[in-house]
Structure formats: structure tokens, C-alpha cells
N, C-alpha and C. Protein backbone atom coordinates (compact mmCIF):
# COMPACT_ATOMS: atom_id res chain seq x y z
N MET A 1 98.42 101.67 101.47
CA MET A 1 99.08 102.91 101.76
C MET A 1 99.18 103.79 100.51
N PHE A 2 99.42 103.19 99.35
CA PHE A 2 99.50 103.94 98.11
C PHE A 2 98.19 104.68 97.86
N GLY A 3 97.09 103.98 98.08
CA GLY A 3 95.77 104.57 97.83
C GLY A 3 95.51 105.81 98.66
N ASP A 4 95.89 105.79 99.93
CA ASP A 4 95.61 106.97 100.75
C ASP A 4 96.70 108.02 100.63
N VAL A 5 97.96 107.64 100.69
CA VAL A 5 99.04 108.63 100.67
C VAL A 5 99.21 109.25 99.28
N VAL A 6 99.22 108.43 98.25
CA VAL A 6 99.51 108.94 96.90
C VAL A 6 98.25 109.42 96.19
N LEU A 7 97.17 108.67 96.31
CA LEU A 7 95.95 109.02 95.55
C LEU A 7 94.91 109.77 96.38
N GLY A 8 95.13 109.89 97.68
CA GLY A 8 94.23 110.69 98.51
C GLY A 8 92.92 110.02 98.88
N ILE A 9 92.85 108.70 98.78
CA ILE A 9 91.64 107.98 99.19
C ILE A 9 91.67 107.87 100.72
N ASP A 10 90.53 108.09 101.35
CA ASP A 10 90.43 108.01 102.80
C ASP A 10 90.88 106.62 103.27
N HIS A 11 91.87 106.59 104.15
CA HIS A 11 92.42 105.33 104.65
C HIS A 11 91.35 104.45 105.30
N GLU A 12 90.37 105.08 105.89
CA GLU A 12 89.30 104.34 106.57
C GLU A 12 88.55 103.42 105.61
N GLU A 13 88.48 103.78 104.34
CA GLU A 13 87.80 102.92 103.37
C GLU A 13 88.51 101.57 103.24
N PHE A 14 89.84 101.59 103.26
CA PHE A 14 90.61 100.36 103.19
C PHE A 14 90.49 99.58 104.50
N GLU A 15 90.57 100.30 105.60
CA GLU A 15 90.46 99.66 106.91
C GLU A 15 89.09 98.98 107.09
N HIS A 16 88.06 99.63 106.58
CA HIS A 16 86.71 99.06 106.67
C HIS A 16 86.64 97.71 105.95
N GLU A 17 87.21 97.66 104.75
CA GLU A 17 87.19 96.40 103.98
C GLU A 17 87.97 95.31 104.71
N LEU A 18 89.12 95.66 105.27
CA LEU A 18 89.92 94.68 106.01
C LEU A 18 89.16 94.20 107.24
N ALA A 19 88.57 95.13 107.98
CA ALA A 19 87.83 94.76 109.20
C ALA A 19 86.65 93.86 108.88
N THR A 20 85.97 94.12 107.77
CA THR A 20 84.82 93.30 107.38
C THR A 20 85.25 91.87 107.07
N ILE A 21 86.33 91.73 106.32
CA ILE A 21 86.81 90.39 105.97
C ILE A 21 87.29 89.66 107.22
N LYS A 22 87.99 90.36 108.10
CA LYS A 22 88.44 89.72 109.35
C LYS A 22 87.25 89.27 110.20
N LYS A 23 86.24 90.11 110.27
CA LYS A 23 85.05 89.76 111.05
C LYS A 23 84.36 88.53 110.47
N ASN A 24 84.17 88.52 109.15
CA ASN A 24 83.52 87.39 108.49
C ASN A 24 84.33 86.10 108.61
N ALA A 25 85.66 86.25 108.71
CA ALA A 25 86.54 85.08 108.82
C ALA A 25 86.72 84.65 110.28
N GLY A 26 86.23 85.46 111.21
CA GLY A 26 86.44 85.16 112.62
C GLY A 26 87.88 85.35 113.04
N ALA A 27 88.57 86.24 112.35
CA ALA A 27 89.99 86.50 112.62
C ALA A 27 90.16 87.76 113.47
N LYS A 28 91.00 87.66 114.47
CA LYS A 28 91.32 88.83 115.29
C LYS A 28 92.50 89.58 114.70
N PHE A 29 93.45 88.85 114.13
CA PHE A 29 94.67 89.44 113.59
C PHE A 29 94.77 89.19 112.09
N ASP A 30 95.42 90.11 111.37
CA ASP A 30 95.60 89.98 109.92
C ASP A 30 96.24 88.63 109.56
N ILE A 31 97.20 88.20 110.35
CA ILE A 31 97.95 86.99 110.06
C ILE A 31 97.06 85.74 110.03
N GLU A 32 95.89 85.83 110.61
CA GLU A 32 94.97 84.70 110.64
C GLU A 32 94.19 84.54 109.33
N LEU A 33 94.28 85.48 108.45
CA LEU A 33 93.56 85.40 107.18
C LEU A 33 94.25 84.41 106.25
N THR A 34 93.46 83.67 105.50
CA THR A 34 93.99 82.70 104.54
C THR A 34 94.26 83.39 103.20
N ALA A 35 94.86 82.64 102.29
CA ALA A 35 95.11 83.17 100.94
C ALA A 35 93.79 83.55 100.28
N ALA A 36 92.77 82.76 100.48
CA ALA A 36 91.46 83.06 99.90
C ALA A 36 90.90 84.38 100.45
N HIS A 37 91.08 84.61 101.75
CA HIS A 37 90.64 85.87 102.34
C HIS A 37 91.40 87.06 101.73
N LEU A 38 92.71 86.87 101.55
CA LEU A 38 93.53 87.96 101.01
C LEU A 38 93.17 88.25 99.55
N LYS A 39 92.83 87.21 98.79
CA LYS A 39 92.37 87.43 97.41
C LYS A 39 91.08 88.22 97.41
N GLU A 40 90.19 87.89 98.34
CA GLU A 40 88.95 88.65 98.47
C GLU A 40 89.24 90.10 98.86
N LEU A 41 90.22 90.29 99.74
CA LEU A 41 90.59 91.64 100.17
C LEU A 41 91.12 92.47 98.99
N VAL A 42 91.92 91.84 98.15
CA VAL A 42 92.43 92.54 96.96
C VAL A 42 91.26 93.00 96.08
N THR A 43 90.29 92.13 95.91
CA THR A 43 89.09 92.49 95.12
C THR A 43 88.37 93.68 95.75
N LYS A 44 88.23 93.65 97.07
CA LYS A 44 87.55 94.75 97.79
C LYS A 44 88.35 96.05 97.68
N TYR A 45 89.67 95.95 97.77
CA TYR A 45 90.51 97.14 97.64
C TYR A 45 90.38 97.74 96.23
N LYS A 46 90.32 96.88 95.22
CA LYS A 46 90.13 97.36 93.85
C LYS A 46 88.79 98.09 93.72
N GLU A 47 87.77 97.61 94.43
CA GLU A 47 86.47 98.29 94.43
C GLU A 47 86.57 99.67 95.09
N VAL A 48 87.41 99.78 96.12
CA VAL A 48 87.62 101.09 96.77
C VAL A 48 88.20 102.07 95.75
N TYR A 49 89.21 101.62 95.00
CA TYR A 49 89.79 102.48 93.96
C TYR A 49 88.73 102.90 92.96
N LYS A 50 87.94 101.93 92.51
CA LYS A 50 86.91 102.21 91.50
C LYS A 50 85.86 103.19 92.02
N ARG A 51 85.40 103.00 93.27
CA ARG A 51 84.41 103.91 93.86
C ARG A 51 84.93 105.35 93.93
N ASN A 52 86.24 105.48 94.06
CA ASN A 52 86.86 106.80 94.16
C ASN A 52 87.39 107.30 92.82
N SER A 53 87.06 106.60 91.75
CA SER A 53 87.51 106.95 90.40
C SER A 53 89.03 107.09 90.32
N LYS A 54 89.72 106.17 90.97
CA LYS A 54 91.19 106.15 90.97
C LYS A 54 91.66 104.84 90.37
N VAL A 55 92.87 104.86 89.83
CA VAL A 55 93.45 103.68 89.21
C VAL A 55 94.82 103.42 89.84
N LEU A 56 95.06 102.18 90.23
CA LEU A 56 96.37 101.76 90.71
C LEU A 56 97.16 101.30 89.49
N PRO A 57 98.22 102.03 89.11
CA PRO A 57 98.97 101.65 87.91
C PRO A 57 99.62 100.27 88.06
N ASP A 58 99.66 99.52 86.96
CA ASP A 58 100.32 98.22 86.95
C ASP A 58 101.85 98.38 86.89
N ASP A 59 102.30 99.45 86.28
CA ASP A 59 103.73 99.68 86.07
C ASP A 59 104.39 100.15 87.37
N PRO A 60 105.33 99.36 87.92
CA PRO A 60 105.97 99.77 89.17
C PRO A 60 106.74 101.08 89.06
N TRP A 61 107.29 101.40 87.88
CA TRP A 61 107.99 102.67 87.70
C TRP A 61 107.02 103.84 87.80
N GLU A 62 105.82 103.65 87.25
CA GLU A 62 104.79 104.69 87.36
C GLU A 62 104.36 104.86 88.81
N GLN A 63 104.24 103.75 89.53
CA GLN A 63 103.91 103.84 90.96
C GLN A 63 104.99 104.60 91.71
N LEU A 64 106.25 104.33 91.38
CA LEU A 64 107.35 105.02 92.03
C LEU A 64 107.33 106.51 91.71
N ARG A 65 107.10 106.85 90.44
CA ARG A 65 107.02 108.27 90.05
C ARG A 65 105.89 108.98 90.81
N MET A 66 104.74 108.30 90.90
CA MET A 66 103.61 108.89 91.61
C MET A 66 103.91 109.05 93.09
N GLY A 67 104.63 108.09 93.66
CA GLY A 67 105.03 108.19 95.06
C GLY A 67 105.97 109.36 95.29
N ILE A 68 106.89 109.55 94.37
CA ILE A 68 107.82 110.68 94.48
C ILE A 68 107.06 111.99 94.35
N ASP A 69 106.12 112.05 93.43
CA ASP A 69 105.28 113.26 93.30
C ASP A 69 104.55 113.56 94.60
N ALA A 70 104.07 112.49 95.26
CA ALA A 70 103.37 112.68 96.54
C ALA A 70 104.30 113.26 97.59
N VAL A 71 105.57 112.85 97.57
CA VAL A 71 106.55 113.40 98.51
C VAL A 71 106.64 114.91 98.33
N PHE A 72 106.71 115.35 97.09
CA PHE A 72 106.83 116.78 96.84
C PHE A 72 105.55 117.53 97.19
N ARG A 73 104.40 116.88 97.01
CA ARG A 73 103.14 117.51 97.39
C ARG A 73 103.07 117.75 98.88
N TYR A 74 103.56 116.80 99.65
CA TYR A 74 103.47 116.92 101.10
C TYR A 74 104.66 117.66 101.72
N GLY A 75 105.66 117.96 100.92
CA GLY A 75 106.78 118.77 101.40
C GLY A 75 107.68 118.05 102.38
N SER A 76 108.40 118.83 103.14
CA SER A 76 109.44 118.28 104.00
C SER A 76 108.91 117.47 105.17
N ALA A 77 107.61 117.54 105.44
CA ALA A 77 107.06 116.72 106.53
C ALA A 77 107.16 115.24 106.20
N VAL A 78 107.13 114.90 104.92
CA VAL A 78 107.21 113.50 104.51
C VAL A 78 108.59 113.19 103.95
N GLY A 79 109.13 114.05 103.13
CA GLY A 79 110.43 113.83 102.53
C GLY A 79 110.68 114.86 101.45
N ALA A 80 111.91 114.98 101.03
CA ALA A 80 112.24 115.98 100.03
C ALA A 80 113.62 115.69 99.45
N ILE A 81 113.99 116.47 98.46
CA ILE A 81 115.34 116.39 97.93
C ILE A 81 116.26 117.19 98.86
N CYS A 82 117.31 116.54 99.30
CA CYS A 82 118.27 117.20 100.19
C CYS A 82 118.96 118.32 99.42
N CYS A 83 119.03 119.50 100.01
CA CYS A 83 119.64 120.65 99.31
C CYS A 83 121.15 120.49 99.19
N CYS A 84 121.76 119.64 99.99
CA CYS A 84 123.22 119.45 99.94
C CYS A 84 123.65 118.43 98.90
N CYS A 85 122.98 117.27 98.92
CA CYS A 85 123.46 116.17 98.08
C CYS A 85 122.49 115.79 96.97
N GLN A 86 121.32 116.46 96.88
CA GLN A 86 120.33 116.20 95.84
C GLN A 86 119.82 114.76 95.84
N VAL A 87 119.73 114.15 97.01
CA VAL A 87 119.21 112.80 97.15
C VAL A 87 117.81 112.88 97.73
N LEU A 88 116.91 112.09 97.15
CA LEU A 88 115.56 112.00 97.69
C LEU A 88 115.64 111.27 99.02
N CYS A 89 115.15 111.90 100.07
CA CYS A 89 115.29 111.29 101.38
C CYS A 89 113.99 111.38 102.16
N CYS A 90 113.90 110.56 103.17
CA CYS A 90 112.75 110.54 104.05
C CYS A 90 113.24 110.89 105.45
N PRO A 91 112.87 112.05 105.98
CA PRO A 91 113.38 112.44 107.29
C PRO A 91 112.93 111.52 108.41
N GLY A 92 111.81 110.81 108.22
CA GLY A 92 111.32 109.92 109.26
C GLY A 92 112.21 108.72 109.49
N CYS A 93 112.88 108.25 108.44
CA CYS A 93 113.71 107.05 108.61
C CYS A 93 115.12 107.25 108.07
N SER A 94 115.43 108.43 107.56
CA SER A 94 116.75 108.75 107.02
C SER A 94 117.13 107.87 105.84
N ALA A 95 116.13 107.30 105.16
CA ALA A 95 116.41 106.46 103.99
C ALA A 95 116.60 107.35 102.77
N ALA A 96 117.37 106.86 101.83
CA ALA A 96 117.60 107.64 100.61
C ALA A 96 117.64 106.71 99.41
N LEU A 97 117.19 107.22 98.26
CA LEU A 97 117.31 106.47 97.02
C LEU A 97 118.73 106.63 96.49
N PRO A 98 119.28 105.57 95.89
CA PRO A 98 120.60 105.71 95.28
C PRO A 98 120.57 106.78 94.19
N GLU A 99 121.68 107.47 94.02
CA GLU A 99 121.75 108.59 93.08
C GLU A 99 121.37 108.19 91.66
N ASP A 100 121.80 106.99 91.21
CA ASP A 100 121.48 106.58 89.84
C ASP A 100 119.98 106.35 89.66
N THR A 101 119.29 105.90 90.71
CA THR A 101 117.85 105.73 90.63
C THR A 101 117.15 107.08 90.50
N LEU A 102 117.59 108.05 91.28
CA LEU A 102 117.04 109.39 91.19
C LEU A 102 117.27 109.97 89.80
N ASP A 103 118.49 109.79 89.24
CA ASP A 103 118.78 110.28 87.90
C ASP A 103 117.85 109.64 86.87
N GLN A 104 117.62 108.34 86.97
CA GLN A 104 116.75 107.65 86.04
C GLN A 104 115.34 108.19 86.11
N LEU A 105 114.87 108.45 87.32
CA LEU A 105 113.51 108.97 87.47
C LEU A 105 113.40 110.38 86.92
N GLN A 106 114.40 111.21 87.16
CA GLN A 106 114.36 112.58 86.68
C GLN A 106 114.45 112.64 85.17
N ASN A 107 115.09 111.64 84.56
CA ASN A 107 115.24 111.61 83.10
C ASN A 107 114.16 110.77 82.43
N GLY A 108 113.17 110.31 83.19
CA GLY A 108 112.04 109.58 82.61
C GLY A 108 112.32 108.16 82.22
N HIS A 109 113.31 107.52 82.82
CA HIS A 109 113.62 106.12 82.50
C HIS A 109 112.91 105.19 83.42
């Protein structure tokens, strides 16, 4: 999801890799894949990033910052800062980040 929503990689590229591994494994459902299959899938997903000249950051804080940036790029359809309480929220699920987390992100911590 990070690859398509945040970095703009076509979601179908990830789905194709998953479908190929499931087909080769004879699996109908994701849950039927073994740990070895999932390790192979991670390798394939990394190749998708590389083909698209994109990098998945190792730092979870950087991933979070990039995710928040994506929220602002997509506007209120995905989520935004509430004008009343200044909390980052997602209108689809009414979830919100705690205020101290938002402060840390805004201050670069």
C-alpha cells in the first residue's frame, strides 16, 4: 500500500507479483503461502520499487512523514488536519493521531 499510495507506483504491479507467486505455489488464498513464499514476495516487491526508481525508507519515522505528506497531496478525500482541533485525521475511519505525535512530526522529531 505504501508503494502505490505514497510513492505512486501502480498497484497492479504489486498485485501481479502476488498473483504470480500464488499461482506458482498452487495457492488460491494469500494465507496458503508459506514463509518461503512470502520471502520471495518481499524480494519481488523490492524489484517493483527498483523498476520504478523508488526507495522504501528503512526508517519508520521517515515512512510516517512520507505517509503524512501523501495525505496532504490527496487532500480531504483521504485525510487532513482538522480545522477545529488541529489533529491529523482520516475521514474514512475517523482515526486520529495523538496530539503529541503530530507535534513531534511537525517539529522534525
